[in-house]
Amino acid sequence: MNAIGQTLSDAREKLGLTLEEIERATHIRVRHLEALEREAWDALPSPVQARGFLHNYADFLGLDPNAILLQYVDLQQQRRAALAAPTPPGESQGTPTVAVRRPRWISADLLISSLVVLGVLAVLVWGVGRMMAGFRAETVEEAGGGSLVLSTAEPTPSPTAEAALPEALAQVQVASTAGPTETLEPPPLLTLRGRVNVQLVIEQRAWLRVLADGTEQYSDRADAGEILEFQAQQTIEVITGNGGGVRVFFQGQDMGLMGEFGDAVVRIWGEAGLLTPTATATAPITATPPAQTTAAPPAAGG
């Protein structure tokens, strides 16, 4: 088994899933899943559907779909390069092709000529503008007998603008001093006495399977931001393929993350708390010593 198929198979076995369970969750046929794990690309309908199957399958298993697709693209390029290898000498090279060069409407020479013409026109327009400005200055000077004075006084702001400026600055200052947005806490869990209450807050995408008193209540991929609540009479069992992405609240108390990122974790909670799914040794049976009879003291005055 090659790299892609081995990666998919190892991830599926780590989660303890069968191909039939994955088919029900991803709607990918079992024969296509087997072809992906065997890297039998010719058994898939088309390369486009093969990339889609790879993306959905890797995403469901908690793998990086982009990395899997890059491996698939490299593999396909290697196959095409092997098929396009040069033909050995002596074999037929096929009919030679004739390259036909079509004339282009825009060439490099035409583009350079256009830029030069535009530059000359810009210089001419600038020169004419300078000449007209000089003629106007001379005409004003002759008519008024004095020189043309340009006003350099700064514009006086209006009273309305001065009144609105402090208010706008105050709003900007309030907005800049506002603290960061608080992280939304999960809603309070309605706990019932005599029952097991578990709340799961999904911080990163993770596959989950939840059993309440041995009955499956949830089996799917949960996205970040989802909040799942479960109640049972005796036990609640949670199985996940990403322990670092699931935070547990038991009976309304934060129990922290189930594990590290990418770890497959199994946890069982009872009414008394977290249960350890390991058998306890039975104490050996010891013989009980026989009871000893104590003589009664003689009666006084007998």
C-alpha atoms as a PDB file:
ATOM      1  CA  MET A   1       0.000   0.000   0.000  1.00  0.00           C
ATOM      2  CA  ASN A   2       1.386   3.422  -0.971  1.00  0.00           C
ATOM      3  CA  ALA A   3       1.605   6.678   1.000  1.00  0.00           C
ATOM      4  CA  ILE A   4      -1.887   8.096   0.378  1.00  0.00           C
ATOM      5  CA  GLY A   5      -3.744   4.820   0.875  1.00  0.00           C
ATOM      6  CA  GLN A   6      -1.693   3.928   3.952  1.00  0.00           C
ATOM      7  CA  THR A   7      -2.421   7.324   5.537  1.00  0.00           C
ATOM      8  CA  LEU A   8      -6.176   6.956   4.962  1.00  0.00           C
ATOM      9  CA  SER A   9      -6.252   3.361   6.229  1.00  0.00           C
ATOM     10  CA  ASP A  10      -4.237   4.156   9.388  1.00  0.00           C
ATOM     11  CA  ALA A  11      -6.494   7.121  10.248  1.00  0.00           C
ATOM     12  CA  ARG A  12      -9.643   5.022   9.772  1.00  0.00           C
ATOM     13  CA  GLU A  13      -8.312   2.154  11.922  1.00  0.00           C
ATOM     14  CA  LYS A  14      -7.226   4.630  14.613  1.00  0.00           C
ATOM     15  CA  LEU A  15     -10.820   5.856  14.850  1.00  0.00           C
ATOM     16  CA  GLY A  16     -12.134   2.284  14.915  1.00  0.00           C
ATOM     17  CA  LEU A  17     -14.443   2.804  11.916  1.00  0.00           C
ATOM     18  CA  THR A  18     -15.473   0.443   9.149  1.00  0.00           C
ATOM     19  CA  LEU A  19     -15.923   1.328   5.503  1.00  0.00           C
ATOM     20  CA  GLU A  20     -19.681   0.833   5.851  1.00  0.00           C
ATOM     21  CA  GLU A  21     -19.875   3.393   8.683  1.00  0.00           C
ATOM     22  CA  ILE A  22     -17.881   5.900   6.633  1.00  0.00           C
ATOM     23  CA  GLU A  23     -20.177   5.284   3.643  1.00  0.00           C
ATOM     24  CA  ARG A  24     -23.220   6.208   5.752  1.00  0.00           C
ATOM     25  CA  ALA A  25     -21.546   9.411   6.972  1.00  0.00           C
ATOM     26  CA  THR A  26     -19.885  10.631   3.730  1.00  0.00           C
ATOM     27  CA  HIS A  27     -22.167   8.999   1.103  1.00  0.00           C
ATOM     28  CA  ILE A  28     -19.072   7.626  -0.697  1.00  0.00           C
ATOM     29  CA  ARG A  29     -19.545   4.038  -1.897  1.00  0.00           C
ATOM     30  CA  VAL A  30     -17.528   1.315  -0.199  1.00  0.00           C
ATOM     31  CA  ARG A  31     -15.905   0.267  -3.486  1.00  0.00           C
ATOM     32  CA  HIS A  32     -14.676   3.826  -4.022  1.00  0.00           C
ATOM     33  CA  LEU A  33     -13.307   3.983  -0.457  1.00  0.00           C
ATOM     34  CA  GLU A  34     -11.466   0.703  -1.055  1.00  0.00           C
ATOM     35  CA  ALA A  35     -10.063   2.100  -4.322  1.00  0.00           C
ATOM     36  CA  LEU A  36      -8.786   5.188  -2.483  1.00  0.00           C
ATOM     37  CA  GLU A  37      -7.020   3.094   0.177  1.00  0.00           C
ATOM     38  CA  ARG A  38      -5.541   0.803  -2.533  1.00  0.00           C
ATOM     39  CA  GLU A  39      -4.722   3.817  -4.749  1.00  0.00           C
ATOM     40  CA  ALA A  40      -6.540   2.117  -7.611  1.00  0.00           C
ATOM     41  CA  TRP A  41      -7.152   5.416  -9.422  1.00  0.00           C
ATOM     42  CA  ASP A  42      -8.340   3.683 -12.618  1.00  0.00           C
ATOM     43  CA  ALA A  43     -11.218   2.131 -10.640  1.00  0.00           C
ATOM     44  CA  LEU A  44     -12.651   5.601  -9.862  1.00  0.00           C
ATOM     45  CA  PRO A  45     -15.111   7.297 -12.244  1.00  0.00           C
ATOM     46  CA  SER A  46     -12.885  10.260 -13.219  1.00  0.00           C
ATOM     47  CA  PRO A  47      -9.890  12.289 -11.927  1.00  0.00           C
ATOM     48  CA  VAL A  48     -12.241  15.099 -10.874  1.00  0.00           C
ATOM     49  CA  GLN A  49     -14.379  12.735  -8.775  1.00  0.00           C
ATOM     50  CA  ALA A  50     -11.211  11.122  -7.406  1.00  0.00           C
ATOM     51  CA  ARG A  51     -10.051  14.506  -6.053  1.00  0.00           C
ATOM     52  CA  GLY A  52     -13.493  15.112  -4.556  1.00  0.00           C
ATOM     53  CA  PHE A  53     -13.555  11.686  -2.886  1.00  0.00           C
ATOM     54  CA  LEU A  54     -10.032  12.229  -1.501  1.00  0.00           C
ATOM     55  CA  HIS A  55     -10.931  15.662  -0.100  1.00  0.00           C
ATOM     56  CA  ASN A  56     -14.129  14.474   1.629  1.00  0.00           C
ATOM     57  CA  TYR A  57     -12.582  11.242   2.958  1.00  0.00           C
ATOM     58  CA  ALA A  58      -9.480  12.991   4.362  1.00  0.00           C
ATOM     59  CA  ASP A  59     -11.590  15.764   5.905  1.00  0.00           C
ATOM     60  CA  PHE A  60     -13.887  13.207   7.572  1.00  0.00           C
ATOM     61  CA  LEU A  61     -10.897  11.353   9.092  1.00  0.00           C
ATOM     62  CA  GLY A  62      -9.504  14.608  10.528  1.00  0.00           C
ATOM     63  CA  LEU A  63      -6.570  14.764   8.091  1.00  0.00           C
ATOM     64  CA  ASP A  64      -5.381  17.783   6.098  1.00  0.00           C
ATOM     65  CA  PRO A  65      -7.223  17.442   2.752  1.00  0.00           C
ATOM     66  CA  ASN A  66      -4.911  19.945   1.014  1.00  0.00           C
ATOM     67  CA  ALA A  67      -1.811  17.887   1.835  1.00  0.00           C
ATOM     68  CA  ILE A  68      -3.505  14.692   0.586  1.00  0.00           C
ATOM     69  CA  LEU A  69      -4.539  16.424  -2.671  1.00  0.00           C
ATOM     70  CA  LEU A  70      -0.966  17.703  -3.201  1.00  0.00           C
ATOM     71  CA  GLN A  71       0.345  14.140  -2.916  1.00  0.00           C
ATOM     72  CA  TYR A  72      -2.310  13.002  -5.389  1.00  0.00           C
ATOM     73  CA  VAL A  73      -1.371  15.757  -7.891  1.00  0.00           C
ATOM     74  CA  ASP A  74       2.340  14.872  -7.622  1.00  0.00           C
ATOM     75  CA  LEU A  75       1.519  11.218  -8.242  1.00  0.00           C
ATOM     76  CA  GLN A  76      -0.564  12.049 -11.317  1.00  0.00           C
ATOM     77  CA  GLN A  77       2.207  14.274 -12.698  1.00  0.00           C
ATOM     78  CA  GLN A  78       4.701  11.438 -12.300  1.00  0.00           C
ATOM     79  CA  ARG A  79       2.354   9.089 -14.174  1.00  0.00           C
ATOM     80  CA  ARG A  80       1.902  11.612 -17.006  1.00  0.00           C
ATOM     81  CA  ALA A  81       5.676  12.184 -17.202  1.00  0.00           C
ATOM     82  CA  ALA A  82       6.224   8.422 -17.504  1.00  0.00           C
ATOM     83  CA  LEU A  83       3.637   8.199 -20.297  1.00  0.00           C
ATOM     84  CA  ALA A  84       5.157  11.198 -22.113  1.00  0.00           C
ATOM     85  CA  ALA A  85       8.715   9.794 -22.080  1.00  0.00           C
ATOM     86  CA  PRO A  86      10.651  10.361 -25.363  1.00  0.00           C
ATOM     87  CA  THR A  87      10.338   7.600 -27.977  1.00  0.00           C
ATOM     88  CA  PRO A  88      13.533   5.535 -28.390  1.00  0.00           C
ATOM     89  CA  PRO A  89      15.526   5.980 -31.657  1.00  0.00           C
ATOM     90  CA  GLY A  90      14.304   3.873 -34.558  1.00  0.00           C
ATOM     91  CA  GLU A  91      10.622   4.079 -33.628  1.00  0.00           C
ATOM     92  CA  SER A  92       8.106   6.164 -35.476  1.00  0.00           C
ATOM     93  CA  GLN A  93       8.035   9.789 -34.353  1.00  0.00           C
ATOM     94  CA  GLY A  94       4.588  10.473 -35.847  1.00  0.00           C
ATOM     95  CA  THR A  95       3.582  13.105 -38.334  1.00  0.00           C
ATOM     96  CA  PRO A  96       5.550  16.354 -37.894  1.00  0.00           C
ATOM     97  CA  THR A  97       3.463  19.334 -36.885  1.00  0.00           C
ATOM     98  CA  VAL A  98       3.674  22.690 -38.642  1.00  0.00           C
ATOM     99  CA  ALA A  99       3.498  25.777 -36.442  1.00  0.00           C
ATOM    100  CA  VAL A 100       1.443  28.573 -37.974  1.00  0.00           C
ATOM    101  CA  ARG A 101       2.193  32.045 -36.669  1.00  0.00           C
ATOM    102  CA  ARG A 102      -0.747  34.364 -36.810  1.00  0.00           C
ATOM    103  CA  PRO A 103      -0.266  38.126 -36.998  1.00  0.00           C
ATOM    104  CA  ARG A 104      -0.878  40.005 -33.799  1.00  0.00           C
ATOM    105  CA  TRP A 105      -2.784  43.264 -33.756  1.00  0.00           C
ATOM    106  CA  ILE A 106      -0.639  44.710 -30.960  1.00  0.00           C
ATOM    107  CA  SER A 107       3.130  44.339 -31.308  1.00  0.00           C
ATOM    108  CA  ALA A 108       5.993  45.642 -29.206  1.00  0.00           C
ATOM    109  CA  ASP A 109       6.954  48.243 -31.858  1.00  0.00           C
ATOM    110  CA  LEU A 110       3.405  49.581 -32.046  1.00  0.00           C
ATOM    111  CA  LEU A 111       3.209  49.833 -28.244  1.00  0.00           C
ATOM    112  CA  ILE A 112       6.501  51.757 -28.001  1.00  0.00           C
ATOM    113  CA  SER A 113       5.450  54.135 -30.794  1.00  0.00           C
ATOM    114  CA  SER A 114       2.166  54.836 -29.036  1.00  0.00           C
ATOM    115  CA  LEU A 115       3.948  55.648 -25.777  1.00  0.00           C
ATOM    116  CA  VAL A 116       6.313  58.063 -27.557  1.00  0.00           C
ATOM    117  CA  VAL A 117       3.406  59.846 -29.256  1.00  0.00           C
ATOM    118  CA  LEU A 118       1.559  60.183 -25.958  1.00  0.00           C
ATOM    119  CA  GLY A 119       4.670  61.618 -24.305  1.00  0.00           C
ATOM    120  CA  VAL A 120       5.094  64.237 -27.072  1.00  0.00           C
ATOM    121  CA  LEU A 121       1.419  65.224 -26.800  1.00  0.00           C
ATOM    122  CA  ALA A 122       1.735  65.606 -23.027  1.00  0.00           C
ATOM    123  CA  VAL A 123       4.765  67.917 -23.424  1.00  0.00           C
ATOM    124  CA  LEU A 124       2.920  70.009 -26.030  1.00  0.00           C
ATOM    125  CA  VAL A 125      -0.140  70.387 -23.814  1.00  0.00           C
ATOM    126  CA  TRP A 126       2.037  71.410 -20.854  1.00  0.00           C
ATOM    127  CA  GLY A 127       3.916  73.994 -22.969  1.00  0.00           C
ATOM    128  CA  VAL A 128       0.703  75.507 -24.352  1.00  0.00           C
ATOM    129  CA  GLY A 129      -0.693  75.759 -20.836  1.00  0.00           C
ATOM    130  CA  ARG A 130       2.414  77.630 -19.636  1.00  0.00           C
ATOM    131  CA  MET A 131       2.213  80.046 -22.568  1.00  0.00           C
ATOM    132  CA  MET A 132      -1.482  80.772 -21.958  1.00  0.00           C
ATOM    133  CA  ALA A 133      -0.800  81.388 -18.253  1.00  0.00           C
ATOM    134  CA  GLY A 134       1.920  83.887 -19.167  1.00  0.00           C
ATOM    135  CA  PHE A 135      -0.365  85.720 -21.620  1.00  0.00           C
ATOM    136  CA  ARG A 136      -3.097  85.975 -18.963  1.00  0.00           C
ATOM    137  CA  ALA A 137      -0.650  87.354 -16.375  1.00  0.00           C
ATOM    138  CA  GLU A 138       0.592  90.013 -18.804  1.00  0.00           C
ATOM    139  CA  THR A 139      -2.972  91.017 -19.714  1.00  0.00           C
ATOM    140  CA  VAL A 140      -3.994  91.442 -16.058  1.00  0.00           C
ATOM    141  CA  GLU A 141      -0.856  93.413 -15.273  1.00  0.00           C
ATOM    142  CA  GLU A 142      -1.428  95.793 -18.193  1.00  0.00           C
ATOM    143  CA  ALA A 143      -5.094  96.277 -17.358  1.00  0.00           C
ATOM    144  CA  GLY A 144      -4.769  96.844 -13.601  1.00  0.00           C
ATOM    145  CA  GLY A 145      -1.366  98.466 -13.486  1.00  0.00           C
ATOM    146  CA  GLY A 146      -0.168  96.125 -10.794  1.00  0.00           C
ATOM    147  CA  SER A 147       1.047  92.603 -10.237  1.00  0.00           C
ATOM    148  CA  LEU A 148      -1.149  89.583  -9.791  1.00  0.00           C
ATOM    149  CA  VAL A 149      -1.256  88.577  -6.123  1.00  0.00           C
ATOM    150  CA  LEU A 150      -2.262  85.047  -5.203  1.00  0.00           C
ATOM    151  CA  SER A 151      -4.125  84.584  -1.927  1.00  0.00           C
ATOM    152  CA  THR A 152      -2.309  82.265   0.522  1.00  0.00           C
ATOM    153  CA  ALA A 153      -4.693  82.655   3.465  1.00  0.00           C
ATOM    154  CA  GLU A 154      -5.926  79.404   4.930  1.00  0.00           C
ATOM    155  CA  PRO A 155      -9.685  78.776   4.800  1.00  0.00           C
ATOM    156  CA  THR A 156     -11.507  79.559   8.029  1.00  0.00           C
ATOM    157  CA  PRO A 157     -13.483  76.555   9.322  1.00  0.00           C
ATOM    158  CA  SER A 158     -17.176  77.078   9.798  1.00  0.00           C
ATOM    159  CA  PRO A 159     -18.673  77.170  13.349  1.00  0.00           C
ATOM    160  CA  THR A 160     -20.708  74.037  12.592  1.00  0.00           C
ATOM    161  CA  ALA A 161     -17.576  72.045  11.718  1.00  0.00           C
ATOM    162  CA  GLU A 162     -15.769  73.275  14.875  1.00  0.00           C
ATOM    163  CA  ALA A 163     -18.720  72.200  17.037  1.00  0.00           C
ATOM    164  CA  ALA A 164     -18.908  68.739  15.444  1.00  0.00           C
ATOM    165  CA  LEU A 165     -15.148  68.058  15.685  1.00  0.00           C
ATOM    166  CA  PRO A 166     -14.906  67.473  19.503  1.00  0.00           C
ATOM    167  CA  GLU A 167     -17.893  65.112  19.425  1.00  0.00           C
ATOM    168  CA  ALA A 168     -16.353  63.035  16.599  1.00  0.00           C
ATOM    169  CA  LEU A 169     -12.993  62.893  18.424  1.00  0.00           C
ATOM    170  CA  ALA A 170     -14.758  61.740  21.605  1.00  0.00           C
ATOM    171  CA  GLN A 171     -16.499  58.915  19.717  1.00  0.00           C
ATOM    172  CA  VAL A 172     -13.184  57.801  18.167  1.00  0.00           C
ATOM    173  CA  GLN A 173     -11.492  57.839  21.608  1.00  0.00           C
ATOM    174  CA  VAL A 174     -14.283  55.742  23.163  1.00  0.00           C
ATOM    175  CA  ALA A 175     -14.070  53.237  20.292  1.00  0.00           C
ATOM    176  CA  SER A 176     -10.257  52.981  20.609  1.00  0.00           C
ATOM    177  CA  THR A 177     -10.339  52.382  24.379  1.00  0.00           C
ATOM    178  CA  ALA A 178     -12.992  49.671  24.210  1.00  0.00           C
ATOM    179  CA  GLY A 179     -11.667  46.329  25.357  1.00  0.00           C
ATOM    180  CA  PRO A 180     -11.538  43.148  23.232  1.00  0.00           C
ATOM    181  CA  THR A 181     -14.698  41.202  22.592  1.00  0.00           C
ATOM    182  CA  GLU A 182     -15.294  38.619  25.308  1.00  0.00           C
ATOM    183  CA  THR A 183     -15.437  34.977  24.325  1.00  0.00           C
ATOM    184  CA  LEU A 184     -18.967  33.658  24.413  1.00  0.00           C
ATOM    185  CA  GLU A 185     -19.478  31.109  27.176  1.00  0.00           C
ATOM    186  CA  PRO A 186     -21.694  28.062  26.564  1.00  0.00           C
ATOM    187  CA  PRO A 187     -25.255  28.353  27.880  1.00  0.00           C
ATOM    188  CA  PRO A 188     -25.881  26.872  31.347  1.00  0.00           C
ATOM    189  CA  LEU A 189     -26.700  23.167  31.294  1.00  0.00           C
ATOM    190  CA  LEU A 190     -30.006  22.159  32.898  1.00  0.00           C
ATOM    191  CA  THR A 191     -28.801  19.436  35.263  1.00  0.00           C
ATOM    192  CA  LEU A 192     -31.295  16.942  36.700  1.00  0.00           C
ATOM    193  CA  ARG A 193     -30.758  15.135  39.993  1.00  0.00           C
ATOM    194  CA  GLY A 194     -30.224  11.410  39.645  1.00  0.00           C
ATOM    195  CA  ARG A 195     -29.119  11.747  35.983  1.00  0.00           C
ATOM    196  CA  VAL A 196     -25.804  12.052  34.147  1.00  0.00           C
ATOM    197  CA  ASN A 197     -25.553  15.454  32.406  1.00  0.00           C
ATOM    198  CA  VAL A 198     -22.739  16.062  29.861  1.00  0.00           C
ATOM    199  CA  GLN A 199     -22.245  19.125  27.660  1.00  0.00           C
ATOM    200  CA  LEU A 200     -19.680  19.076  24.801  1.00  0.00           C
ATOM    201  CA  VAL A 201     -18.307  22.387  23.456  1.00  0.00           C
ATOM    202  CA  ILE A 202     -16.583  21.888  20.079  1.00  0.00           C
ATOM    203  CA  GLU A 203     -13.532  24.179  19.869  1.00  0.00           C
ATOM    204  CA  GLN A 204     -12.049  22.485  16.774  1.00  0.00           C
ATOM    205  CA  ARG A 205     -13.600  20.194  14.206  1.00  0.00           C
ATOM    206  CA  ALA A 206     -13.721  16.630  15.490  1.00  0.00           C
ATOM    207  CA  TRP A 207     -15.480  13.357  14.772  1.00  0.00           C
ATOM    208  CA  LEU A 208     -17.718  12.314  17.680  1.00  0.00           C
ATOM    209  CA  ARG A 209     -19.685   9.279  18.754  1.00  0.00           C
ATOM    210  CA  VAL A 210     -21.837   9.484  21.900  1.00  0.00           C
ATOM    211  CA  LEU A 211     -23.583   6.568  23.659  1.00  0.00           C
ATOM    212  CA  ALA A 212     -26.182   7.221  26.391  1.00  0.00           C
ATOM    213  CA  ASP A 213     -26.822   4.099  28.513  1.00  0.00           C
ATOM    214  CA  GLY A 214     -25.366   2.038  25.659  1.00  0.00           C
ATOM    215  CA  THR A 215     -27.607   3.598  22.969  1.00  0.00           C
ATOM    216  CA  GLU A 216     -25.976   5.667  20.207  1.00  0.00           C
ATOM    217  CA  GLN A 217     -27.150   9.290  20.372  1.00  0.00           C
ATOM    218  CA  TYR A 218     -24.675  10.979  17.996  1.00  0.00           C
ATOM    219  CA  SER A 219     -22.213   9.839  15.300  1.00  0.00           C
ATOM    220  CA  ASP A 220     -20.988  12.552  12.978  1.00  0.00           C
ATOM    221  CA  ARG A 221     -18.361  15.276  12.459  1.00  0.00           C
ATOM    222  CA  ALA A 222     -18.983  18.335  14.651  1.00  0.00           C
ATOM    223  CA  ASP A 223     -17.798  21.786  13.579  1.00  0.00           C
ATOM    224  CA  ALA A 224     -16.160  24.428  15.774  1.00  0.00           C
ATOM    225  CA  GLY A 225     -18.701  26.470  17.718  1.00  0.00           C
ATOM    226  CA  GLU A 226     -21.264  23.689  18.150  1.00  0.00           C
ATOM    227  CA  ILE A 227     -22.599  22.824  21.625  1.00  0.00           C
ATOM    228  CA  LEU A 228     -24.006  19.322  22.204  1.00  0.00           C
ATOM    229  CA  GLU A 229     -25.930  18.274  25.323  1.00  0.00           C
ATOM    230  CA  PHE A 230     -26.650  14.697  26.477  1.00  0.00           C
ATOM    231  CA  GLN A 231     -28.402  13.146  29.474  1.00  0.00           C
ATOM    232  CA  ALA A 232     -28.610   9.549  30.656  1.00  0.00           C
ATOM    233  CA  GLN A 233     -29.739   7.465  33.602  1.00  0.00           C
ATOM    234  CA  GLN A 234     -26.416   5.659  34.259  1.00  0.00           C
ATOM    235  CA  THR A 235     -23.518   6.376  31.850  1.00  0.00           C
ATOM    236  CA  ILE A 236     -22.546   8.577  28.897  1.00  0.00           C
ATOM    237  CA  GLU A 237     -19.671   7.371  26.696  1.00  0.00           C
ATOM    238  CA  VAL A 238     -17.887   9.847  24.371  1.00  0.00           C
ATOM    239  CA  ILE A 239     -15.501   8.724  21.602  1.00  0.00           C
ATOM    240  CA  THR A 240     -13.595  11.328  19.556  1.00  0.00           C
ATOM    241  CA  GLY A 241     -10.750  11.424  17.058  1.00  0.00           C
ATOM    242  CA  ASN A 242      -9.536  14.871  18.188  1.00  0.00           C
ATOM    243  CA  GLY A 243      -9.311  15.142  21.978  1.00  0.00           C
ATOM    244  CA  GLY A 244      -7.844  18.657  21.810  1.00  0.00           C
ATOM    245  CA  GLY A 245     -10.931  20.003  20.056  1.00  0.00           C
ATOM    246  CA  VAL A 246     -13.644  18.917  22.531  1.00  0.00           C
ATOM    247  CA  ARG A 247     -14.232  20.566  25.931  1.00  0.00           C
ATOM    248  CA  VAL A 248     -16.431  18.700  28.464  1.00  0.00           C
ATOM    249  CA  PHE A 249     -18.819  20.164  31.032  1.00  0.00           C
ATOM    250  CA  PHE A 250     -19.970  17.456  33.499  1.00  0.00           C
ATOM    251  CA  GLN A 251     -22.935  18.310  35.741  1.00  0.00           C
ATOM    252  CA  GLY A 252     -22.349  21.986  34.814  1.00  0.00           C
ATOM    253  CA  GLN A 253     -18.606  21.971  35.759  1.00  0.00           C
ATOM    254  CA  ASP A 254     -15.776  22.535  33.239  1.00  0.00           C
ATOM    255  CA  MET A 255     -13.712  19.322  33.029  1.00  0.00           C
ATOM    256  CA  GLY A 256     -11.300  20.727  30.406  1.00  0.00           C
ATOM    257  CA  LEU A 257     -10.325  19.266  27.037  1.00  0.00           C
ATOM    258  CA  MET A 258     -10.607  15.526  26.464  1.00  0.00           C
ATOM    259  CA  GLY A 259      -6.991  15.224  25.338  1.00  0.00           C
ATOM    260  CA  GLU A 260      -4.353  16.517  22.927  1.00  0.00           C
ATOM    261  CA  PHE A 261      -4.880  17.644  19.342  1.00  0.00           C
ATOM    262  CA  GLY A 262      -5.380  14.673  17.007  1.00  0.00           C
ATOM    263  CA  ASP A 263      -5.612  12.085  19.843  1.00  0.00           C
ATOM    264  CA  ALA A 264      -8.317   9.403  19.722  1.00  0.00           C
ATOM    265  CA  VAL A 265      -9.922   9.454  23.201  1.00  0.00           C
ATOM    266  CA  VAL A 266     -12.650   7.421  24.917  1.00  0.00           C
ATOM    267  CA  ARG A 267     -14.261   8.747  28.114  1.00  0.00           C
ATOM    268  CA  ILE A 268     -17.154   7.359  30.199  1.00  0.00           C
ATOM    269  CA  TRP A 269     -19.021   9.456  32.783  1.00  0.00           C
ATOM    270  CA  GLY A 270     -21.357   8.155  35.463  1.00  0.00           C
ATOM    271  CA  GLU A 271     -23.405   9.963  38.088  1.00  0.00           C
ATOM    272  CA  ALA A 272     -20.385   9.987  40.434  1.00  0.00           C
ATOM    273  CA  GLY A 273     -17.975  11.353  37.805  1.00  0.00           C
ATOM    274  CA  LEU A 274     -15.440  10.011  35.296  1.00  0.00           C
ATOM    275  CA  LEU A 275     -15.323   6.218  35.201  1.00  0.00           C
ATOM    276  CA  THR A 276     -12.167   4.193  34.514  1.00  0.00           C
ATOM    277  CA  PRO A 277     -13.046   1.395  32.050  1.00  0.00           C
ATOM    278  CA  THR A 278     -10.633  -1.137  33.645  1.00  0.00           C
ATOM    279  CA  ALA A 279     -11.576  -4.262  35.564  1.00  0.00           C
ATOM    280  CA  THR A 280     -10.778  -4.331  39.279  1.00  0.00           C
ATOM    281  CA  ALA A 281      -9.258  -7.409  40.940  1.00  0.00           C
ATOM    282  CA  THR A 282     -11.531  -9.442  43.233  1.00  0.00           C
ATOM    283  CA  ALA A 283     -10.260  -9.834  46.819  1.00  0.00           C
ATOM    284  CA  PRO A 284      -9.344 -13.446  47.704  1.00  0.00           C
ATOM    285  CA  ILE A 285     -11.687 -15.356  50.036  1.00  0.00           C
ATOM    286  CA  THR A 286     -10.062 -16.055  53.451  1.00  0.00           C
ATOM    287  CA  ALA A 287     -11.195 -18.626  55.958  1.00  0.00           C
ATOM    288  CA  THR A 288     -12.979 -17.268  59.050  1.00  0.00           C
ATOM    289  CA  PRO A 289     -11.386 -18.523  62.329  1.00  0.00           C
ATOM    290  CA  PRO A 290     -13.755 -20.475  64.632  1.00  0.00           C
ATOM    291  CA  ALA A 291     -15.337 -18.611  67.534  1.00  0.00           C
ATOM    292  CA  GLN A 292     -13.725 -19.175  70.970  1.00  0.00           C
ATOM    293  CA  THR A 293     -15.952 -20.022  74.006  1.00  0.00           C
ATOM    294  CA  THR A 294     -15.216 -18.049  77.213  1.00  0.00           C
ATOM    295  CA  ALA A 295     -16.036 -19.699  80.567  1.00  0.00           C
ATOM    296  CA  ALA A 296     -18.554 -17.791  82.709  1.00  0.00           C
ATOM    297  CA  PRO A 297     -17.362 -16.745  86.244  1.00  0.00           C
ATOM    298  CA  PRO A 298     -18.864 -18.685  89.243  1.00  0.00           C
ATOM    299  CA  ALA A 299     -21.886 -17.120  90.904  1.00  0.00           C
ATOM    300  CA  ALA A 300     -21.219 -15.310  94.172  1.00  0.00           C
ATOM    301  CA  GLY A 301     -22.233 -17.130  97.371  1.00  0.00           C
ATOM    302  CA  GLY A 302     -22.731 -20.453  95.577  1.00  0.00           C
END
